[in-house]
Amino acid sequence: MAWAGKTHPLEMLAEWLAPMLLALVAAWAASAAGLPLAAKAAGGVMALSVGIIAMRMAGPGPLVDEADFEPVQFEFDGDDDELLLDDPLVEAAPDSRVVKLFPRGEATPGELVLRISDYLSEQDRPPMPAAPSAEQQPVDASAALHEALANIRATLR
């Protein structure tokens, strides 16, 4: 994978980690065999260089192969028998294969109110009551509330 002409950081890590792992294993094998320190270091360096050369020779392969074919150019004939996206089908012919799956007309306002009340009753809520009349309007008690708050403040002082 290339990032603007540069290799991905994980690929660079893999390119260096694999030879280092090989060198570490070679040095450990020399240590397990009981060889002197110089032989362990030489074995590690040789394995590291062989691993780096092998990774360079393998090299990054092409990630995406080029197509071996030429795409065909689309030519519009202009036939009237084709259904185009900008030519919507308003009414289907009786012998056509086009089918309306769920034909539904426009709902009247009364039907909408029934649907809404059915939905609300299914949700365990009572349907919305009618708007309260002028006689049922709550009384404005803001003046009494202000007086009560003033009395509370006076008693707290």
N, C-alpha and C. Protein backbone atom coordinates (compact mmCIF):
# COMPACT_ATOMS: atom_id res chain seq x y z
N MET A 1 0.85 -1.16 0.00
CA MET A 1 0.00 0.00 0.00
C MET A 1 0.89 1.23 0.00
N ALA A 2 0.54 2.20 -0.78
CA ALA A 2 1.37 3.40 -0.86
C ALA A 2 0.59 4.60 -0.34
N TRP A 3 1.25 5.37 0.48
CA TRP A 3 0.69 6.62 0.97
C TRP A 3 1.42 7.74 0.28
N ALA A 4 0.86 8.25 -0.78
CA ALA A 4 1.44 9.35 -1.55
C ALA A 4 2.88 9.03 -1.93
N GLY A 5 3.10 7.83 -2.45
CA GLY A 5 4.42 7.44 -2.91
C GLY A 5 5.29 6.84 -1.83
N LYS A 6 4.84 6.79 -0.58
CA LYS A 6 5.62 6.22 0.52
C LYS A 6 4.98 4.92 0.96
N THR A 7 5.79 4.02 1.50
CA THR A 7 5.24 2.77 1.99
C THR A 7 4.56 2.99 3.34
N HIS A 8 3.61 2.14 3.63
CA HIS A 8 2.85 2.22 4.87
C HIS A 8 3.78 1.91 6.05
N PRO A 9 3.62 2.57 7.19
CA PRO A 9 4.49 2.31 8.34
C PRO A 9 4.46 0.86 8.82
N LEU A 10 3.30 0.21 8.74
CA LEU A 10 3.23 -1.19 9.15
C LEU A 10 4.03 -2.09 8.21
N GLU A 11 4.05 -1.75 6.94
CA GLU A 11 4.85 -2.54 6.00
C GLU A 11 6.33 -2.38 6.29
N MET A 12 6.75 -1.16 6.63
CA MET A 12 8.15 -0.94 6.97
C MET A 12 8.51 -1.72 8.23
N LEU A 13 7.59 -1.74 9.20
CA LEU A 13 7.83 -2.49 10.42
C LEU A 13 7.97 -3.99 10.12
N ALA A 14 7.12 -4.51 9.25
CA ALA A 14 7.20 -5.93 8.90
C ALA A 14 8.48 -6.24 8.14
N GLU A 15 8.94 -5.31 7.28
CA GLU A 15 10.17 -5.52 6.53
C GLU A 15 11.38 -5.60 7.45
N TRP A 16 11.36 -4.90 8.55
CA TRP A 16 12.49 -4.93 9.47
C TRP A 16 12.31 -5.95 10.59
N LEU A 17 11.09 -6.21 10.99
CA LEU A 17 10.85 -7.13 12.09
C LEU A 17 11.11 -8.58 11.71
N ALA A 18 10.77 -8.95 10.48
CA ALA A 18 10.99 -10.35 10.05
C ALA A 18 12.48 -10.71 10.03
N PRO A 19 13.36 -9.91 9.43
CA PRO A 19 14.79 -10.26 9.49
C PRO A 19 15.37 -10.22 10.90
N MET A 20 14.89 -9.27 11.73
CA MET A 20 15.39 -9.21 13.10
C MET A 20 14.97 -10.44 13.89
N LEU A 21 13.76 -10.93 13.64
CA LEU A 21 13.30 -12.15 14.31
C LEU A 21 14.15 -13.35 13.87
N LEU A 22 14.47 -13.40 12.58
CA LEU A 22 15.34 -14.47 12.07
C LEU A 22 16.72 -14.40 12.72
N ALA A 23 17.28 -13.19 12.85
CA ALA A 23 18.59 -13.02 13.48
C ALA A 23 18.55 -13.40 14.95
N LEU A 24 17.47 -13.06 15.63
CA LEU A 24 17.34 -13.41 17.03
C LEU A 24 17.27 -14.92 17.23
N VAL A 25 16.53 -15.57 16.35
CA VAL A 25 16.42 -17.03 16.44
C VAL A 25 17.76 -17.69 16.15
N ALA A 26 18.51 -17.17 15.18
CA ALA A 26 19.82 -17.73 14.85
C ALA A 26 20.79 -17.55 16.03
N ALA A 27 20.76 -16.37 16.66
CA ALA A 27 21.65 -16.14 17.82
C ALA A 27 21.24 -17.02 18.99
N TRP A 28 19.96 -17.23 19.18
CA TRP A 28 19.50 -18.10 20.27
C TRP A 28 19.92 -19.55 20.01
N ALA A 29 19.83 -19.98 18.73
CA ALA A 29 20.24 -21.35 18.40
C ALA A 29 21.74 -21.52 18.65
N ALA A 30 22.54 -20.50 18.32
CA ALA A 30 23.98 -20.57 18.58
C ALA A 30 24.25 -20.59 20.08
N SER A 31 23.46 -19.87 20.85
CA SER A 31 23.61 -19.86 22.31
C SER A 31 23.22 -21.21 22.89
N ALA A 32 22.15 -21.81 22.34
CA ALA A 32 21.71 -23.12 22.84
C ALA A 32 22.72 -24.20 22.49
N ALA A 33 23.48 -24.01 21.41
CA ALA A 33 24.51 -24.98 21.02
C ALA A 33 25.77 -24.82 21.85
N GLY A 34 25.89 -23.75 22.64
CA GLY A 34 27.03 -23.54 23.50
C GLY A 34 28.20 -22.91 22.78
N LEU A 35 27.98 -22.18 21.70
CA LEU A 35 29.04 -21.53 20.94
C LEU A 35 29.49 -20.26 21.67
N PRO A 36 30.70 -19.78 21.39
CA PRO A 36 31.19 -18.56 22.04
C PRO A 36 30.43 -17.33 21.56
N LEU A 37 30.63 -16.22 22.27
CA LEU A 37 29.92 -14.97 21.99
C LEU A 37 30.16 -14.48 20.57
N ALA A 38 31.34 -14.62 20.04
CA ALA A 38 31.65 -14.17 18.68
C ALA A 38 30.83 -14.97 17.66
N ALA A 39 30.66 -16.26 17.88
CA ALA A 39 29.87 -17.08 16.96
C ALA A 39 28.40 -16.72 17.03
N LYS A 40 27.92 -16.39 18.25
CA LYS A 40 26.52 -15.97 18.40
C LYS A 40 26.27 -14.68 17.62
N ALA A 41 27.18 -13.70 17.78
CA ALA A 41 27.03 -12.42 17.09
C ALA A 41 27.15 -12.60 15.58
N ALA A 42 28.11 -13.41 15.14
CA ALA A 42 28.28 -13.63 13.70
C ALA A 42 27.05 -14.32 13.11
N GLY A 43 26.51 -15.29 13.82
CA GLY A 43 25.32 -15.98 13.33
C GLY A 43 24.13 -15.03 13.24
N GLY A 44 24.01 -14.15 14.23
CA GLY A 44 22.92 -13.17 14.21
C GLY A 44 23.05 -12.18 13.08
N VAL A 45 24.28 -11.68 12.87
CA VAL A 45 24.52 -10.70 11.80
C VAL A 45 24.29 -11.35 10.43
N MET A 46 24.77 -12.58 10.26
CA MET A 46 24.58 -13.29 8.98
C MET A 46 23.09 -13.51 8.72
N ALA A 47 22.34 -13.93 9.73
CA ALA A 47 20.91 -14.18 9.55
C ALA A 47 20.17 -12.88 9.25
N LEU A 48 20.59 -11.79 9.91
CA LEU A 48 19.97 -10.49 9.65
C LEU A 48 20.21 -10.04 8.22
N SER A 49 21.43 -10.17 7.75
CA SER A 49 21.73 -9.74 6.37
C SER A 49 21.01 -10.63 5.36
N VAL A 50 20.95 -11.93 5.58
CA VAL A 50 20.23 -12.82 4.67
C VAL A 50 18.74 -12.48 4.66
N GLY A 51 18.18 -12.18 5.83
CA GLY A 51 16.76 -11.82 5.91
C GLY A 51 16.46 -10.52 5.18
N ILE A 52 17.33 -9.52 5.34
CA ILE A 52 17.12 -8.23 4.66
C ILE A 52 17.23 -8.40 3.15
N ILE A 53 18.22 -9.17 2.71
CA ILE A 53 18.36 -9.41 1.26
C ILE A 53 17.14 -10.15 0.72
N ALA A 54 16.64 -11.14 1.47
CA ALA A 54 15.45 -11.88 1.01
C ALA A 54 14.23 -10.98 0.93
N MET A 55 14.08 -10.08 1.90
CA MET A 55 12.93 -9.17 1.87
C MET A 55 13.05 -8.18 0.71
N ARG A 56 14.26 -7.73 0.41
CA ARG A 56 14.46 -6.81 -0.72
C ARG A 56 14.22 -7.51 -2.05
N MET A 57 14.63 -8.78 -2.15
CA MET A 57 14.44 -9.50 -3.41
C MET A 57 12.96 -9.80 -3.64
N ALA A 58 12.23 -10.08 -2.56
CA ALA A 58 10.80 -10.35 -2.71
C ALA A 58 10.10 -9.07 -3.15
N GLY A 59 10.46 -7.98 -2.53
CA GLY A 59 9.95 -6.67 -2.93
C GLY A 59 8.45 -6.56 -2.85
N PRO A 60 7.96 -5.34 -2.88
CA PRO A 60 6.51 -5.15 -2.86
C PRO A 60 5.93 -5.47 -4.23
N GLY A 61 5.01 -6.38 -4.26
CA GLY A 61 4.36 -6.74 -5.52
C GLY A 61 3.23 -5.77 -5.83
N PRO A 62 2.74 -5.81 -7.04
CA PRO A 62 1.62 -4.92 -7.37
C PRO A 62 0.38 -5.35 -6.60
N LEU A 63 -0.25 -4.39 -5.96
CA LEU A 63 -1.44 -4.70 -5.17
C LEU A 63 -2.67 -4.89 -6.06
N VAL A 64 -2.73 -4.14 -7.15
CA VAL A 64 -3.87 -4.23 -8.05
C VAL A 64 -3.33 -4.51 -9.44
N ASP A 65 -3.79 -5.60 -10.02
CA ASP A 65 -3.39 -5.93 -11.38
C ASP A 65 -4.13 -5.05 -12.37
N GLU A 66 -3.47 -4.74 -13.44
CA GLU A 66 -4.12 -3.98 -14.49
C GLU A 66 -5.12 -4.87 -15.21
N ALA A 67 -6.20 -4.29 -15.69
CA ALA A 67 -7.23 -5.07 -16.38
C ALA A 67 -6.70 -5.50 -17.74
N ASP A 68 -7.03 -6.74 -18.11
CA ASP A 68 -6.58 -7.29 -19.39
C ASP A 68 -7.61 -7.08 -20.49
N PHE A 69 -8.57 -6.21 -20.29
CA PHE A 69 -9.60 -6.00 -21.30
C PHE A 69 -9.91 -4.51 -21.41
N GLU A 70 -10.53 -4.17 -22.49
CA GLU A 70 -10.96 -2.79 -22.71
C GLU A 70 -12.45 -2.70 -22.44
N PRO A 71 -12.92 -1.76 -21.65
CA PRO A 71 -14.36 -1.64 -21.43
C PRO A 71 -15.05 -1.16 -22.70
N VAL A 72 -16.26 -1.65 -22.89
CA VAL A 72 -17.05 -1.31 -24.07
C VAL A 72 -17.73 0.03 -23.82
N GLN A 73 -17.71 0.89 -24.82
CA GLN A 73 -18.37 2.17 -24.72
C GLN A 73 -19.88 1.99 -24.87
N PHE A 74 -20.65 2.67 -24.01
CA PHE A 74 -22.11 2.60 -24.07
C PHE A 74 -22.60 3.61 -25.08
N GLU A 75 -23.44 3.14 -25.99
CA GLU A 75 -24.03 4.03 -27.00
C GLU A 75 -25.53 3.99 -26.84
N PHE A 76 -26.14 5.16 -26.69
CA PHE A 76 -27.59 5.26 -26.54
C PHE A 76 -28.24 5.25 -27.91
N ASP A 77 -29.21 4.32 -28.09
CA ASP A 77 -29.90 4.21 -29.38
C ASP A 77 -31.05 5.19 -29.49
N GLY A 78 -31.66 5.54 -28.38
CA GLY A 78 -32.79 6.45 -28.43
C GLY A 78 -34.10 5.73 -28.69
N ASP A 79 -34.18 4.43 -28.41
CA ASP A 79 -35.43 3.71 -28.62
C ASP A 79 -36.46 4.17 -27.60
N ASP A 80 -37.72 4.19 -28.03
CA ASP A 80 -38.79 4.60 -27.13
C ASP A 80 -39.28 3.44 -26.27
N ASP A 81 -38.81 2.23 -26.51
CA ASP A 81 -39.26 1.07 -25.75
C ASP A 81 -38.55 0.94 -24.41
N GLU A 82 -37.52 1.73 -24.19
CA GLU A 82 -36.75 1.63 -22.96
C GLU A 82 -37.33 2.52 -21.87
N LEU A 83 -37.27 2.04 -20.66
CA LEU A 83 -37.72 2.83 -19.52
C LEU A 83 -36.50 3.55 -18.94
N LEU A 84 -36.47 4.87 -19.06
CA LEU A 84 -35.35 5.66 -18.57
C LEU A 84 -35.69 6.28 -17.23
N LEU A 85 -34.68 6.64 -16.49
CA LEU A 85 -34.90 7.21 -15.17
C LEU A 85 -35.59 8.56 -15.21
N ASP A 86 -35.35 9.32 -16.26
CA ASP A 86 -35.99 10.62 -16.34
C ASP A 86 -37.34 10.55 -17.05
N ASP A 87 -37.83 9.36 -17.34
CA ASP A 87 -39.13 9.15 -17.97
C ASP A 87 -39.97 8.29 -17.02
N PRO A 88 -40.60 8.90 -16.01
CA PRO A 88 -41.31 8.10 -15.01
C PRO A 88 -42.54 7.42 -15.58
N LEU A 89 -42.86 6.27 -15.03
CA LEU A 89 -44.03 5.50 -15.44
C LEU A 89 -45.19 5.93 -14.56
N VAL A 90 -46.18 6.62 -15.15
CA VAL A 90 -47.30 7.13 -14.38
C VAL A 90 -48.37 6.06 -14.25
N GLU A 91 -48.80 5.49 -15.34
CA GLU A 91 -49.84 4.47 -15.34
C GLU A 91 -49.31 3.25 -16.07
N ALA A 92 -49.35 2.11 -15.41
CA ALA A 92 -48.85 0.88 -16.02
C ALA A 92 -49.91 0.30 -16.95
N ALA A 93 -49.47 -0.23 -18.07
CA ALA A 93 -50.38 -0.88 -19.00
C ALA A 93 -50.89 -2.19 -18.39
N PRO A 94 -52.10 -2.64 -18.77
CA PRO A 94 -52.64 -3.86 -18.16
C PRO A 94 -51.80 -5.11 -18.44
N ASP A 95 -51.12 -5.15 -19.58
CA ASP A 95 -50.34 -6.34 -19.92
C ASP A 95 -48.86 -6.21 -19.55
N SER A 96 -48.50 -5.18 -18.76
CA SER A 96 -47.09 -4.97 -18.42
C SER A 96 -46.70 -5.81 -17.21
N ARG A 97 -45.41 -5.91 -17.00
CA ARG A 97 -44.88 -6.67 -15.86
C ARG A 97 -44.66 -5.78 -14.64
N VAL A 98 -44.95 -4.50 -14.77
CA VAL A 98 -44.79 -3.58 -13.66
C VAL A 98 -46.01 -3.70 -12.75
N VAL A 99 -45.76 -3.87 -11.45
CA VAL A 99 -46.85 -4.10 -10.51
C VAL A 99 -46.70 -3.14 -9.34
N LYS A 100 -47.79 -2.54 -8.90
CA LYS A 100 -47.77 -1.76 -7.67
C LYS A 100 -48.02 -2.72 -6.54
N LEU A 101 -47.07 -2.82 -5.63
CA LEU A 101 -47.20 -3.78 -4.56
C LEU A 101 -48.20 -3.36 -3.50
N PHE A 102 -48.19 -2.11 -3.10
CA PHE A 102 -49.07 -1.65 -2.04
C PHE A 102 -49.79 -0.39 -2.50
N PRO A 103 -50.79 -0.53 -3.36
CA PRO A 103 -51.49 0.67 -3.81
C PRO A 103 -52.33 1.24 -2.66
N ARG A 104 -52.21 2.53 -2.46
CA ARG A 104 -52.96 3.17 -1.39
C ARG A 104 -53.30 4.58 -1.83
N GLY A 105 -54.51 4.98 -1.59
CA GLY A 105 -54.94 6.33 -1.93
C GLY A 105 -54.59 7.29 -0.81
N GLU A 106 -54.85 8.56 -1.03
CA GLU A 106 -54.59 9.56 -0.01
C GLU A 106 -55.58 9.37 1.14
N ALA A 107 -55.10 9.49 2.36
CA ALA A 107 -55.95 9.34 3.53
C ALA A 107 -56.68 10.65 3.79
N THR A 108 -57.94 10.50 4.20
CA THR A 108 -58.73 11.69 4.55
C THR A 108 -58.33 12.13 5.96
N PRO A 109 -58.64 13.35 6.34
CA PRO A 109 -58.30 13.80 7.70
C PRO A 109 -58.94 12.93 8.78
N GLY A 110 -60.15 12.47 8.56
CA GLY A 110 -60.80 11.61 9.54
C GLY A 110 -60.05 10.29 9.71
N GLU A 111 -59.57 9.72 8.61
CA GLU A 111 -58.80 8.48 8.69
C GLU A 111 -57.48 8.71 9.43
N LEU A 112 -56.87 9.86 9.19
CA LEU A 112 -55.64 10.17 9.91
C LEU A 112 -55.87 10.28 11.41
N VAL A 113 -56.97 10.90 11.82
CA VAL A 113 -57.28 11.02 13.24
C VAL A 113 -57.51 9.64 13.84
N LEU A 114 -58.20 8.77 13.12
CA LEU A 114 -58.41 7.41 13.62
C LEU A 114 -57.10 6.65 13.75
N ARG A 115 -56.23 6.79 12.77
CA ARG A 115 -54.93 6.12 12.85
C ARG A 115 -54.14 6.60 14.05
N ILE A 116 -54.15 7.91 14.28
CA ILE A 116 -53.40 8.46 15.40
C ILE A 116 -53.98 7.99 16.73
N SER A 117 -55.30 8.00 16.85
CA SER A 117 -55.90 7.55 18.11
C SER A 117 -55.67 6.06 18.32
N ASP A 118 -55.70 5.26 17.25
CA ASP A 118 -55.38 3.83 17.38
C ASP A 118 -53.94 3.64 17.83
N TYR A 119 -53.04 4.42 17.26
CA TYR A 119 -51.64 4.32 17.64
C TYR A 119 -51.44 4.69 19.11
N LEU A 120 -52.08 5.76 19.55
CA LEU A 120 -51.93 6.18 20.93
C LEU A 120 -52.57 5.17 21.89
N SER A 121 -53.67 4.56 21.52
CA SER A 121 -54.30 3.58 22.40
C SER A 121 -53.45 2.31 22.46
N GLU A 122 -52.72 1.99 21.39
CA GLU A 122 -51.82 0.84 21.42
C GLU A 122 -50.62 1.09 22.32
N GLN A 123 -50.29 2.32 22.54
CA GLN A 123 -49.16 2.68 23.39
C GLN A 123 -49.58 2.84 24.85
N ASP A 124 -50.75 2.35 25.22
CA ASP A 124 -51.30 2.45 26.57
C ASP A 124 -51.45 3.89 27.01
N ARG A 125 -51.79 4.75 26.09
CA ARG A 125 -52.07 6.14 26.41
C ARG A 125 -53.50 6.44 25.95
N PRO A 126 -54.19 7.21 26.72
CA PRO A 126 -55.54 7.58 26.23
C PRO A 126 -55.42 8.53 25.06
N PRO A 127 -56.39 8.51 24.16
CA PRO A 127 -56.33 9.46 23.04
C PRO A 127 -56.42 10.90 23.55
N MET A 128 -55.91 11.81 22.76
CA MET A 128 -55.87 13.21 23.15
C MET A 128 -57.29 13.73 23.35
N PRO A 129 -57.56 14.39 24.49
CA PRO A 129 -58.89 14.96 24.69
C PRO A 129 -59.06 16.21 23.83
N ALA A 130 -60.29 16.60 23.69
CA ALA A 130 -60.58 17.82 22.91
C ALA A 130 -60.02 19.02 23.66
N ALA A 131 -59.81 20.12 22.94
CA ALA A 131 -59.27 21.33 23.56
C ALA A 131 -60.23 21.83 24.63
N PRO A 132 -59.70 22.26 25.78
CA PRO A 132 -60.59 22.73 26.86
C PRO A 132 -61.30 24.01 26.44
N SER A 133 -62.53 24.14 26.90
CA SER A 133 -63.30 25.34 26.57
C SER A 133 -62.86 26.49 27.46
N ALA A 134 -63.45 27.65 27.26
CA ALA A 134 -63.08 28.83 28.03
C ALA A 134 -63.44 28.67 29.50
N GLU A 135 -64.51 27.90 29.79
CA GLU A 135 -64.92 27.70 31.18
C GLU A 135 -63.94 26.78 31.90
N GLN A 136 -63.29 25.87 31.16
CA GLN A 136 -62.39 24.91 31.77
C GLN A 136 -60.95 25.40 31.85
N GLN A 137 -60.69 26.58 31.36
CA GLN A 137 -59.34 27.12 31.38
C GLN A 137 -58.89 27.31 32.84
N PRO A 138 -57.65 27.00 33.16
CA PRO A 138 -57.19 27.19 34.55
C PRO A 138 -57.13 28.68 34.89
N VAL A 139 -57.38 28.94 36.15
CA VAL A 139 -57.40 30.32 36.63
C VAL A 139 -55.97 30.80 36.79
N ASP A 140 -55.74 32.07 36.46
CA ASP A 140 -54.40 32.64 36.60
C ASP A 140 -54.16 32.91 38.09
N ALA A 141 -53.29 32.13 38.67
CA ALA A 141 -53.02 32.25 40.11
C ALA A 141 -51.63 32.80 40.36
N SER A 142 -51.08 33.53 39.43
CA SER A 142 -49.72 34.04 39.59
C SER A 142 -49.65 35.08 40.71
N ALA A 143 -50.70 35.88 40.87
CA ALA A 143 -50.67 36.89 41.94
C ALA A 143 -50.65 36.21 43.31
N ALA A 144 -51.46 35.18 43.47
CA ALA A 144 -51.49 34.46 44.75
C ALA A 144 -50.15 33.78 45.01
N LEU A 145 -49.53 33.27 43.99
CA LEU A 145 -48.23 32.63 44.15
C LEU A 145 -47.18 33.64 44.58
N HIS A 146 -47.19 34.82 43.98
CA HIS A 146 -46.23 35.86 44.36
C HIS A 146 -46.43 36.29 45.82
N GLU A 147 -47.70 36.38 46.25
CA GLU A 147 -47.97 36.75 47.64
C GLU A 147 -47.45 35.68 48.59
N ALA A 148 -47.64 34.41 48.24
CA ALA A 148 -47.18 33.32 49.11
C ALA A 148 -45.66 33.31 49.20
N LEU A 149 -44.98 33.54 48.10
CA LEU A 149 -43.52 33.61 48.11
C LEU A 149 -43.02 34.78 48.93
N ALA A 150 -43.71 35.91 48.85
CA ALA A 150 -43.33 37.07 49.64
C ALA A 150 -43.49 36.79 51.12
N ASN A 151 -44.56 36.06 51.51
CA ASN A 151 -44.77 35.72 52.92
C ASN A 151 -43.66 34.78 53.41
N ILE A 152 -43.25 33.84 52.58
CA ILE A 152 -42.18 32.90 52.96
C ILE A 152 -40.88 33.63 53.17
N ARG A 153 -40.59 34.57 52.27
CA ARG A 153 -39.34 35.35 52.39
C ARG A 153 -39.37 36.19 53.66
N ALA A 154 -40.53 36.74 53.97
CA ALA A 154 -40.63 37.59 55.17
C ALA A 154 -40.43 36.77 56.44
N THR A 155 -40.92 35.53 56.45
CA THR A 155 -40.77 34.72 57.66
C THR A 155 -39.35 34.21 57.80
N LEU A 156 -38.59 34.07 56.70
CA LEU A 156 -37.22 33.58 56.76
C LEU A 156 -36.26 34.65 57.26
N ARG A 157 -36.63 35.93 57.20
CA ARG A 157 -35.74 37.02 57.61
C ARG A 157 -35.79 37.23 59.05
